[in-house]
Amino acid sequence: MEPNALVDYVKSLDCIHCGLCLRTCPTYQLTGAEPSSPRGRIYLMRAVAENKLDASDPHYREELDFCLVCRHCESVCPAGVRFGEMMETARAGANRAAPRGALERLARWFGFGVVLPSRFWLSLSISALRLAQRTGLMRLAATFAGARKEALLSMPTAPPASERRALPERTPARGAQRGEVALLEGCVMPELFGRVNRASAAVLAEIGYSCRTAKDHVCCGALHAHNGELEGARALARTTIESYERLGDAPIVVNSAGCGAHMRAYATLLEDDSAWRERSKRFSARVVDFSEFVAAQAPADWRPRAAPELGKLTYDDPCHLCHGQQIRSQPRTLLERVSGAQCVELANAESCCGSAGIYSLLRPRDSQAVFEPKARAFVASGADTLVTANPGCHLQWESGLARLGVKARVVHIAEVLAPRESDAPSGGVR
């Protein structure tokens, strides 16, 4: 196989070896080893392209898997290295050059090819997970799981079926309608964080925007791309574009930072597909983060009321929001508008929490090691509630704080901004 097809050699040449990325890289901070830094991984990719290293080398694969792809290095890189894109290409190339073991290939096929693109399989999987957790089967299985014990115990807590409700096809604006948006429902969000989707729709309705959802859409392909499943990611990008084209040309509001960053990069993902190149550009131009949209469109006199039980708030920047989309001030601006809220800053809020999509399930010990400094920073802040804007980060903070015995709430920013029960708009039209 042609080495240059396994990595993006041209992008690797942008690296000027300055080392500014070292202090921001969570895996380098854990090991102090050069190959575990962005600069070191770029050296390895370049070595593959120059036929100095075989892409099937287990140490190469390990360093690719060890990376969280948090993209913090991109924010500090003076040369503008697009490390996230390089990692997606390199992981896809490594999968082609050295296929994983049979069981892992089966698990990846089932997860990426069957479960994530299917609402039926997603719902069934979460129902099975809840049953296993409620009956104690999960803990029993973990005792016999050996090295996978921590991965099983790190699985998110599945909510009851009553909370796993899809959004209505249309949620009307409250009062005079100022516009319309399409709201991404997502694949995992309705199953684990249906309340966040409902809060997002309620906030948008409160500021005068009706919401439509693409009921035929399930997954945008973000997890596929981050894990080197690029062909699956491209296929899902095409179906996503088709689904939202049918809803017209309204802005597409996304309350998951990882999905938003990925959907904004569809033009790069499909740049070699002449039939989809222009459509992907038009689509990506419509994508806007939830906090970005609300901060820009909310009426000047809009001041949501704080829920007293949340206490003191602190906000943690999801990596794919601050580093992937360069959105930092908008969530904080919105929290400052909340009447009665007391907000404090979190030290190193832009550092990775260790979630990284499914990284916390695949490498729970590394994920927990990355999270521990974040937990210490939260305790030092004196906050009662951690506010985030990404489902993976949400799960990581909930499980991580509980594991360390830290009593705190974790909420999505939409939940902070949503009208209280007595103020909530009526349900939508199915």
Protein backbone atom coordinates (compact mmCIF):
# COMPACT_ATOMS: atom_id res chain seq x y z
CA MET A 1 0.00 0.00 0.00
CA GLU A 2 1.32 3.45 -0.94
CA PRO A 3 2.59 5.04 2.33
CA ASN A 4 1.30 8.49 1.39
CA ALA A 5 -2.22 7.05 1.27
CA LEU A 6 -1.97 6.12 4.95
CA VAL A 7 -1.24 9.59 6.32
CA ASP A 8 -1.69 13.19 5.20
CA TYR A 9 1.96 13.86 4.42
CA VAL A 10 1.40 17.38 3.05
CA LYS A 11 -0.32 18.58 6.25
CA SER A 12 2.47 17.05 8.34
CA LEU A 13 4.97 19.42 6.71
CA ASP A 14 3.24 22.40 8.35
CA CYS A 15 4.67 21.41 11.75
CA ILE A 16 7.68 23.61 12.62
CA HIS A 17 8.71 21.52 15.68
CA CYS A 18 8.42 24.50 18.07
CA GLY A 19 7.08 22.39 20.93
CA LEU A 20 4.35 24.79 22.05
CA CYS A 21 1.92 21.89 21.82
CA LEU A 22 3.73 19.88 24.50
CA ARG A 23 2.36 21.82 27.46
CA THR A 24 -1.22 21.48 26.22
CA CYS A 25 -1.20 17.78 25.30
CA PRO A 26 -2.87 15.60 27.95
CA THR A 27 -1.08 12.39 26.96
CA TYR A 28 2.33 14.08 26.94
CA GLN A 29 1.56 15.45 30.38
CA LEU A 30 0.89 11.89 31.56
CA THR A 31 4.00 10.29 30.09
CA GLY A 32 6.54 12.98 29.23
CA ALA A 33 7.33 10.87 26.16
CA GLU A 34 7.88 12.65 22.85
CA PRO A 35 5.92 10.10 20.76
CA SER A 36 2.90 10.82 22.98
CA SER A 37 2.84 14.49 21.95
CA PRO A 38 1.33 16.06 18.83
CA ARG A 39 4.80 16.85 17.52
CA GLY A 40 5.93 13.30 18.18
CA ARG A 41 2.90 11.77 16.49
CA ILE A 42 3.49 13.96 13.45
CA TYR A 43 7.06 12.63 13.32
CA LEU A 44 5.64 9.10 13.33
CA MET A 45 3.18 9.92 10.54
CA ARG A 46 5.96 11.45 8.50
CA ALA A 47 8.09 8.37 9.06
CA VAL A 48 5.26 6.21 7.69
CA ALA A 49 4.93 8.43 4.63
CA GLU A 50 8.68 8.27 4.01
CA ASN A 51 8.77 4.47 4.36
CA LYS A 52 10.90 4.67 7.50
CA LEU A 53 8.18 3.13 9.68
CA ASP A 54 5.61 0.49 8.86
CA ALA A 55 2.02 1.55 9.51
CA SER A 56 1.41 -1.87 11.03
CA ASP A 57 3.98 -1.22 13.78
CA PRO A 58 2.17 -1.81 17.11
CA HIS A 59 3.88 1.16 18.77
CA TYR A 60 2.58 3.43 16.00
CA ARG A 61 -0.96 2.12 16.41
CA GLU A 62 -0.70 2.51 20.19
CA GLU A 63 0.27 6.17 19.93
CA LEU A 64 -2.59 6.86 17.53
CA ASP A 65 -5.04 5.15 19.91
CA PHE A 66 -3.54 6.90 22.97
CA CYS A 67 -4.29 10.36 21.54
CA LEU A 68 -7.57 11.96 22.68
CA VAL A 69 -7.70 14.24 19.59
CA CYS A 70 -8.71 17.08 21.89
CA ARG A 71 -7.16 19.56 19.41
CA HIS A 72 -5.79 21.78 22.18
CA CYS A 73 -2.55 21.71 20.23
CA GLU A 74 -4.31 23.43 17.32
CA SER A 75 -5.25 26.41 19.49
CA VAL A 76 -1.62 27.10 20.42
CA CYS A 77 0.06 26.12 17.14
CA PRO A 78 1.63 29.15 15.41
CA ALA A 79 1.81 27.26 12.11
CA GLY A 80 -1.88 26.35 11.95
CA VAL A 81 -1.34 22.59 11.89
CA ARG A 82 -4.70 20.79 11.39
CA PHE A 83 -3.87 17.96 13.74
CA GLY A 84 -7.41 16.64 14.15
CA GLU A 85 -7.77 16.03 10.41
CA MET A 86 -4.35 14.38 10.31
CA MET A 87 -5.28 12.01 13.11
CA GLU A 88 -8.50 10.94 11.41
CA THR A 89 -6.57 10.15 8.21
CA ALA A 90 -3.80 8.34 10.09
CA ARG A 91 -6.23 6.20 12.08
CA ALA A 92 -8.09 5.23 8.91
CA GLY A 93 -4.77 4.40 7.25
CA ALA A 94 -3.63 2.26 10.18
CA ASN A 95 -6.90 0.35 10.07
CA ARG A 96 -6.30 -0.45 6.40
CA ALA A 97 -2.62 -1.29 6.81
CA ALA A 98 -3.05 -3.54 9.85
CA PRO A 99 -6.63 -4.68 10.45
CA ARG A 100 -7.50 -5.09 14.12
CA GLY A 101 -8.24 -8.46 15.72
CA ALA A 102 -11.39 -10.34 14.75
CA LEU A 103 -13.31 -9.54 17.95
CA GLU A 104 -12.42 -5.86 17.79
CA ARG A 105 -13.40 -5.69 14.12
CA LEU A 106 -16.72 -7.32 14.97
CA ALA A 107 -17.32 -4.86 17.82
CA ARG A 108 -16.48 -1.89 15.60
CA TRP A 109 -18.70 -3.18 12.79
CA PHE A 110 -21.59 -3.63 15.20
CA GLY A 111 -21.09 -0.29 16.96
CA PHE A 112 -20.31 1.92 13.99
CA GLY A 113 -22.13 0.04 11.26
CA VAL A 114 -25.25 -1.22 13.02
CA VAL A 115 -26.00 0.62 16.29
CA LEU A 116 -25.07 4.28 15.75
CA PRO A 117 -26.90 4.74 12.41
CA SER A 118 -30.09 3.06 13.69
CA ARG A 119 -32.65 4.56 16.06
CA PHE A 120 -34.02 1.06 16.72
CA TRP A 121 -30.64 -0.41 17.68
CA LEU A 122 -29.70 2.62 19.76
CA SER A 123 -32.92 2.38 21.74
CA LEU A 124 -32.56 -1.38 22.16
CA SER A 125 -28.94 -1.05 23.29
CA ILE A 126 -29.73 1.59 25.92
CA SER A 127 -32.71 -0.45 27.15
CA ALA A 128 -30.46 -3.50 27.51
CA LEU A 129 -27.85 -1.41 29.30
CA ARG A 130 -30.45 -0.11 31.75
CA LEU A 131 -31.70 -3.63 32.43
CA ALA A 132 -28.15 -4.84 33.09
CA GLN A 133 -27.46 -1.92 35.42
CA ARG A 134 -30.73 -2.16 37.33
CA THR A 135 -30.51 -5.92 37.88
CA GLY A 136 -26.81 -5.96 38.85
CA LEU A 137 -25.84 -7.95 35.76
CA MET A 138 -23.38 -5.23 34.75
CA ARG A 139 -21.42 -5.48 38.01
CA LEU A 140 -21.55 -9.26 37.84
CA ALA A 141 -20.20 -9.20 34.29
CA ALA A 142 -17.47 -6.77 35.33
CA THR A 143 -16.13 -9.24 37.89
CA PHE A 144 -15.38 -11.68 35.06
CA ALA A 145 -14.26 -9.09 32.50
CA GLY A 146 -10.58 -8.96 33.40
CA ALA A 147 -8.92 -6.00 31.68
CA ARG A 148 -12.30 -4.77 30.44
CA LYS A 149 -13.73 -4.45 33.96
CA GLU A 150 -13.20 -0.70 34.16
CA ALA A 151 -14.69 -0.21 30.71
CA LEU A 152 -17.89 -1.96 31.77
CA LEU A 153 -18.11 0.01 34.99
CA SER A 154 -17.48 3.23 33.02
CA MET A 155 -20.60 2.75 30.91
CA PRO A 156 -23.03 5.68 31.26
CA THR A 157 -26.08 5.26 33.47
CA ALA A 158 -29.03 4.60 31.19
CA PRO A 159 -32.11 6.73 31.95
CA PRO A 160 -35.61 5.23 32.17
CA ALA A 161 -37.72 4.94 29.03
CA SER A 162 -39.90 7.84 30.21
CA GLU A 163 -36.92 10.18 29.75
CA ARG A 164 -35.89 8.78 26.37
CA ARG A 165 -38.50 10.70 24.41
CA ALA A 166 -37.87 12.04 20.93
CA LEU A 167 -38.46 15.70 20.18
CA PRO A 168 -41.66 16.58 18.34
CA GLU A 169 -41.28 17.24 14.64
CA ARG A 170 -41.99 20.91 15.30
CA THR A 171 -41.79 22.99 18.47
CA PRO A 172 -43.55 26.35 18.03
CA ALA A 173 -42.04 29.61 19.14
CA ARG A 174 -43.41 31.07 22.33
CA GLY A 175 -45.16 34.33 21.56
CA ALA A 176 -44.32 36.13 18.33
CA GLN A 177 -42.17 34.00 16.05
CA ARG A 178 -38.91 35.67 15.05
CA GLY A 179 -37.62 32.84 12.88
CA GLU A 180 -37.18 29.11 12.44
CA VAL A 181 -34.28 26.72 13.01
CA ALA A 182 -33.54 23.05 12.50
CA LEU A 183 -32.38 21.43 15.75
CA LEU A 184 -30.08 18.41 15.56
CA GLU A 185 -31.58 15.62 17.66
CA GLY A 186 -28.52 13.37 17.32
CA CYS A 187 -27.93 9.67 17.86
CA VAL A 188 -26.93 9.37 21.52
CA MET A 189 -28.61 12.54 22.78
CA PRO A 190 -32.25 11.30 22.68
CA GLU A 191 -31.23 8.09 24.45
CA LEU A 192 -29.04 9.53 27.21
CA PHE A 193 -29.88 13.24 27.30
CA GLY A 194 -33.41 13.66 26.02
CA ARG A 195 -33.92 16.32 28.66
CA VAL A 196 -31.10 18.38 27.12
CA ASN A 197 -32.75 18.28 23.70
CA ARG A 198 -36.06 19.33 25.26
CA ALA A 199 -34.35 22.15 27.16
CA SER A 200 -32.64 23.31 23.95
CA ALA A 201 -35.94 23.43 22.07
CA ALA A 202 -37.57 25.27 25.00
CA VAL A 203 -34.83 27.94 25.05
CA LEU A 204 -35.08 28.47 21.30
CA ALA A 205 -38.87 28.74 21.57
CA GLU A 206 -38.51 31.18 24.45
CA ILE A 207 -36.39 33.57 22.36
CA GLY A 208 -38.86 33.40 19.46
CA TYR A 209 -37.67 30.56 17.21
CA SER A 210 -39.70 27.56 16.18
CA CYS A 211 -37.72 24.33 15.92
CA ARG A 212 -37.97 21.57 13.37
CA THR A 213 -36.26 18.19 13.64
CA ALA A 214 -35.32 15.79 10.85
CA LYS A 215 -37.19 12.70 11.99
CA ASP A 216 -35.47 10.50 9.39
CA HIS A 217 -32.01 11.43 10.63
CA VAL A 218 -30.00 9.57 13.29
CA CYS A 219 -26.20 10.03 13.22
CA CYS A 220 -23.89 12.69 11.77
CA GLY A 221 -20.82 10.40 11.71
CA ALA A 222 -18.64 12.31 14.19
CA LEU A 223 -17.68 9.22 16.22
CA HIS A 224 -16.90 7.36 13.01
CA ALA A 225 -14.51 10.04 11.77
CA HIS A 226 -12.77 10.46 15.13
CA ASN A 227 -12.07 6.72 15.20
CA GLY A 228 -10.77 6.37 11.65
CA GLU A 229 -13.98 4.98 10.13
CA LEU A 230 -13.90 7.57 7.36
CA GLU A 231 -15.99 5.74 4.77
CA GLY A 232 -18.78 5.31 7.29
CA ALA A 233 -18.41 8.98 8.26
CA ARG A 234 -18.74 10.06 4.63
CA ALA A 235 -21.82 7.92 4.09
CA LEU A 236 -23.49 9.41 7.16
CA ALA A 237 -22.47 12.93 6.12
CA ARG A 238 -24.33 12.46 2.84
CA THR A 239 -27.50 11.21 4.56
CA THR A 240 -27.28 14.08 7.07
CA ILE A 241 -27.01 16.65 4.29
CA GLU A 242 -29.99 15.11 2.49
CA SER A 243 -32.12 15.09 5.64
CA TYR A 244 -31.52 18.75 6.45
CA GLU A 245 -31.83 19.93 2.87
CA ARG A 246 -35.42 18.64 3.03
CA LEU A 247 -36.03 21.05 5.93
CA GLY A 248 -35.12 24.08 3.85
CA ASP A 249 -32.26 26.47 4.46
CA ALA A 250 -32.79 27.47 8.12
CA PRO A 251 -29.80 27.46 10.50
CA ILE A 252 -28.99 24.02 11.94
CA VAL A 253 -28.56 24.44 15.70
CA VAL A 254 -26.37 21.82 17.38
CA ASN A 255 -26.15 21.32 21.15
CA SER A 256 -23.34 18.73 20.97
CA ALA A 257 -19.90 20.29 20.52
CA GLY A 258 -18.37 17.19 18.91
CA CYS A 259 -21.18 16.87 16.37
CA GLY A 260 -21.09 20.57 15.57
CA ALA A 261 -17.35 20.61 14.93
CA HIS A 262 -17.62 17.55 12.71
CA MET A 263 -20.59 18.85 10.70
CA ARG A 264 -18.81 22.13 10.12
CA ALA A 265 -15.98 20.10 8.57
CA TYR A 266 -18.13 18.19 6.06
CA ALA A 267 -16.63 20.24 3.23
CA THR A 268 -13.20 18.83 4.10
CA LEU A 269 -14.53 15.31 4.62
CA LEU A 270 -16.18 15.32 1.18
CA GLU A 271 -13.71 17.54 -0.68
CA ASP A 272 -12.75 14.72 -3.08
CA ASP A 273 -16.38 13.92 -3.92
CA SER A 274 -17.36 16.21 -6.80
CA ALA A 275 -21.05 15.33 -6.48
CA TRP A 276 -21.17 16.44 -2.84
CA ARG A 277 -18.47 19.11 -2.56
CA GLU A 278 -20.68 22.17 -3.05
CA ARG A 279 -23.64 20.69 -1.17
CA SER A 280 -21.38 20.00 1.83
CA LYS A 281 -20.10 23.58 1.81
CA ARG A 282 -23.63 24.98 1.81
CA PHE A 283 -24.63 22.58 4.57
CA SER A 284 -21.65 23.38 6.81
CA ALA A 285 -22.33 27.10 6.45
CA ARG A 286 -25.75 26.51 8.08
CA VAL A 287 -24.37 24.76 11.17
CA VAL A 288 -24.28 26.86 14.34
CA ASP A 289 -23.62 25.90 17.95
CA PHE A 290 -26.52 26.26 20.39
CA SER A 291 -24.76 28.79 22.65
CA GLU A 292 -23.46 30.70 19.64
CA PHE A 293 -26.96 31.04 18.19
CA VAL A 294 -28.71 31.95 21.43
CA ALA A 295 -26.06 34.52 22.38
CA ALA A 296 -26.46 36.20 19.00
CA GLN A 297 -30.25 35.99 18.63
CA ALA A 298 -31.75 36.31 22.12
CA PRO A 299 -33.60 39.59 22.75
CA ALA A 300 -31.60 42.14 24.69
CA ASP A 301 -34.02 42.00 27.64
CA TRP A 302 -34.09 38.18 27.85
CA ARG A 303 -32.92 37.08 31.29
CA PRO A 304 -33.63 33.47 32.24
CA ARG A 305 -34.08 32.66 35.92
CA ALA A 306 -31.57 30.49 37.75
CA ALA A 307 -32.73 27.26 39.34
CA PRO A 308 -31.91 27.65 43.06
CA GLU A 309 -30.83 24.01 43.41
CA LEU A 310 -27.91 24.56 41.01
CA GLY A 311 -26.09 26.84 43.43
CA LYS A 312 -22.75 28.22 42.29
CA LEU A 313 -21.95 27.48 38.62
CA THR A 314 -18.70 26.92 36.77
CA TYR A 315 -18.28 26.25 33.06
CA ASP A 316 -15.89 23.76 31.46
CA ASP A 317 -15.07 24.26 27.78
CA PRO A 318 -15.65 21.15 25.65
CA CYS A 319 -12.60 20.63 23.46
CA HIS A 320 -14.57 20.52 20.22
CA LEU A 321 -16.26 23.80 21.12
CA CYS A 322 -13.26 25.90 22.14
CA HIS A 323 -10.53 24.26 20.04
CA GLY A 324 -12.64 22.80 17.25
CA GLN A 325 -15.03 25.74 16.73
CA GLN A 326 -13.27 28.60 18.55
CA ILE A 327 -16.37 29.26 20.65
CA ARG A 328 -15.39 30.44 24.12
CA SER A 329 -17.09 33.67 25.18
CA GLN A 330 -20.68 32.90 24.16
CA PRO A 331 -21.47 30.27 26.84
CA ARG A 332 -20.03 32.52 29.54
CA THR A 333 -21.95 35.52 28.23
CA LEU A 334 -25.17 33.51 28.43
CA LEU A 335 -24.48 32.36 32.00
CA GLU A 336 -23.89 35.96 33.01
CA ARG A 337 -27.39 36.80 31.74
CA VAL A 338 -29.04 34.28 34.06
CA SER A 339 -30.85 36.14 36.80
CA GLY A 340 -29.74 35.01 40.25
CA ALA A 341 -26.84 32.89 39.03
CA GLN A 342 -23.45 33.03 40.71
CA CYS A 343 -20.66 31.99 38.34
CA VAL A 344 -17.01 31.24 39.07
CA GLU A 345 -14.21 30.42 36.65
CA LEU A 346 -12.71 26.93 36.44
CA ALA A 347 -8.92 26.75 36.29
CA ASN A 348 -7.62 25.30 33.00
CA ALA A 349 -11.15 25.13 31.64
CA GLU A 350 -9.86 24.51 28.12
CA SER A 351 -7.91 21.39 29.03
CA CYS A 352 -9.40 18.01 28.09
CA CYS A 353 -11.60 16.16 30.57
CA GLY A 354 -10.64 12.76 29.13
CA SER A 355 -13.95 11.86 27.50
CA ALA A 356 -12.98 12.11 23.82
CA GLY A 357 -16.01 10.32 22.41
CA ILE A 358 -15.65 6.61 23.21
CA TYR A 359 -12.08 7.00 24.54
CA SER A 360 -13.34 6.79 28.14
CA LEU A 361 -14.81 3.36 27.33
CA LEU A 362 -11.86 2.06 25.32
CA ARG A 363 -9.13 3.38 27.63
CA PRO A 364 -10.79 4.05 31.00
CA ARG A 365 -7.57 4.25 33.04
CA ASP A 366 -5.99 6.82 30.73
CA SER A 367 -9.27 8.72 30.61
CA GLN A 368 -9.50 8.81 34.40
CA ALA A 369 -5.89 9.97 34.71
CA VAL A 370 -6.63 12.89 32.37
CA PHE A 371 -9.79 13.73 34.33
CA GLU A 372 -8.30 13.86 37.83
CA PRO A 373 -6.71 17.34 37.48
CA LYS A 374 -10.05 18.61 36.22
CA ALA A 375 -11.81 17.24 39.30
CA ARG A 376 -9.26 18.94 41.57
CA ALA A 377 -9.84 22.22 39.74
CA PHE A 378 -13.61 21.85 40.19
CA VAL A 379 -13.28 21.27 43.94
CA ALA A 380 -10.92 24.25 44.21
CA SER A 381 -13.43 26.49 42.40
CA GLY A 382 -16.00 26.01 45.15
CA ALA A 383 -18.75 25.46 42.58
CA ASP A 384 -21.82 23.31 43.19
CA THR A 385 -22.64 22.66 39.53
CA LEU A 386 -20.50 21.95 36.48
CA VAL A 387 -21.90 23.33 33.22
CA THR A 388 -20.87 21.80 29.89
CA ALA A 389 -22.05 21.73 26.27
CA ASN A 390 -21.22 18.24 25.02
CA PRO A 391 -22.70 14.83 25.89
CA GLY A 392 -19.37 13.02 26.17
CA CYS A 393 -18.04 15.64 28.58
CA HIS A 394 -21.33 15.50 30.48
CA LEU A 395 -20.98 11.75 31.02
CA GLN A 396 -17.30 12.06 31.94
CA TRP A 397 -17.95 14.70 34.58
CA GLU A 398 -20.89 12.81 36.08
CA SER A 399 -19.08 9.48 36.34
CA GLY A 400 -15.73 11.02 37.27
CA LEU A 401 -17.01 13.15 40.13
CA ALA A 402 -19.12 10.28 41.46
CA ARG A 403 -16.14 7.92 41.34
CA LEU A 404 -14.05 10.39 43.35
CA GLY A 405 -16.84 11.00 45.87
CA VAL A 406 -17.40 14.64 44.88
CA LYS A 407 -21.03 15.65 45.32
CA ALA A 408 -22.04 17.99 42.50
CA ARG A 409 -24.53 18.45 39.70
CA VAL A 410 -23.56 18.31 36.03
CA VAL A 411 -25.83 20.07 33.53
CA HIS A 412 -25.84 21.19 29.92
CA ILE A 413 -25.93 24.94 29.40
CA ALA A 414 -29.37 24.57 27.79
CA GLU A 415 -30.69 23.22 31.09
CA VAL A 416 -29.46 26.33 32.91
CA LEU A 417 -31.12 28.63 30.38
CA ALA A 418 -34.39 26.72 29.97
CA PRO A 419 -37.55 28.27 31.39
CA ARG A 420 -38.62 26.82 34.72
CA GLU A 421 -41.58 24.41 34.69
CA SER A 422 -44.15 27.13 35.34
CA ASP A 423 -42.76 29.19 32.46
CA ALA A 424 -42.22 26.40 29.91
CA PRO A 425 -43.92 26.67 26.50
CA SER A 426 -46.52 24.11 25.50
CA GLY A 427 -45.54 20.94 23.62
CA GLY A 428 -44.97 20.86 19.90
CA VAL A 429 -46.89 19.34 17.03
CA ARG A 430 -45.92 15.84 15.95
